[in-house]
Protein backbone atom coordinates (compact mmCIF):
# COMPACT_ATOMS: atom_id res chain seq x y z
CA LYS A 1 2.89 20.77 6.07
CA SER A 2 -0.32 20.40 7.95
CA ARG A 3 -0.55 18.34 11.11
CA ARG A 4 -2.84 15.96 9.28
CA HIS A 5 -0.22 15.34 6.57
CA ILE A 6 2.52 14.82 9.14
CA THR A 7 0.35 12.32 11.02
CA PHE A 8 -0.45 10.51 7.76
CA SER A 9 3.24 10.27 6.85
CA LYS A 10 4.20 8.87 10.24
CA ARG A 11 1.33 6.38 10.33
CA LYS A 12 2.01 5.29 6.75
CA ALA A 13 5.63 4.59 7.61
CA GLY A 14 4.53 2.63 10.67
CA ILE A 15 2.06 0.44 8.83
CA MET A 16 4.56 -0.20 6.02
CA LYS A 17 7.08 -1.33 8.62
CA LYS A 18 4.48 -3.63 10.20
CA ALA A 19 3.68 -5.15 6.79
CA TYR A 20 7.38 -5.81 6.21
CA GLU A 21 7.78 -7.34 9.67
CA LEU A 22 4.73 -9.55 9.17
CA SER A 23 6.07 -10.91 5.90
CA THR A 24 9.58 -11.38 7.27
CA LEU A 25 8.65 -13.01 10.56
CA THR A 26 5.94 -15.31 9.23
CA GLY A 27 6.92 -15.86 5.61
CA THR A 28 3.51 -14.68 4.41
CA GLN A 29 2.78 -12.82 1.22
CA VAL A 30 1.64 -9.25 1.87
CA LEU A 31 0.10 -6.58 -0.32
CA LEU A 32 -0.65 -3.26 1.35
CA LEU A 33 -2.26 -0.30 -0.38
CA VAL A 34 -2.49 3.07 1.32
CA VAL A 35 -4.31 5.87 -0.46
CA SER A 36 -3.75 9.43 0.70
CA GLU A 37 -6.40 12.10 0.96
CA THR A 38 -5.11 13.50 -2.33
CA GLY A 39 -5.44 10.14 -4.09
CA LEU A 40 -1.80 9.10 -4.14
CA VAL A 41 -1.40 5.33 -3.82
CA TYR A 42 1.44 3.94 -1.74
CA THR A 43 2.20 0.22 -1.82
CA PHE A 44 4.14 -2.46 -0.01
CA THR A 45 4.33 -5.87 -1.64
CA THR A 46 6.32 -9.01 -1.19
CA PRO A 47 8.05 -10.16 -4.40
CA LYS A 48 5.43 -12.78 -5.32
CA LEU A 49 2.65 -10.16 -5.29
CA GLN A 50 4.65 -7.38 -6.99
CA PRO A 51 3.02 -7.98 -10.42
CA LEU A 52 -0.34 -7.00 -8.92
CA VAL A 53 0.86 -3.42 -8.61
CA THR A 54 3.25 -3.22 -11.57
CA LYS A 55 1.40 -4.92 -14.44
CA PRO A 56 -1.42 -3.11 -16.26
CA GLU A 57 -4.04 -5.70 -15.22
CA GLY A 58 -3.20 -5.20 -11.56
CA LYS A 59 -3.14 -1.44 -11.85
CA ASN A 60 -6.55 -1.53 -13.55
CA LEU A 61 -7.97 -3.72 -10.77
CA ILE A 62 -6.66 -1.36 -8.09
CA GLN A 63 -8.08 1.66 -9.93
CA ALA A 64 -11.46 -0.06 -10.32
CA CYS A 65 -11.55 -0.76 -6.58
CA LEU A 66 -10.67 2.84 -5.76
CA ASN A 67 -13.39 4.15 -8.09
CA ALA A 68 -16.09 1.83 -6.74
CA PRO A 69 -18.84 3.48 -4.65
């Protein structure tokens, strides 16, 4: 693995943890999308927002945003 990939993995884990902590400590709804250099999409969502990343409409919206200039 390259140093860049290792750094990405560590930082991704850190920001996912922060998103979880934010939702747990404050009771807020959180949706976090992290897109790797290779185009893989990683998500963290609270239960109320889960349909935005699991239903076709939500997936299409995310894809449209990623493809926008």
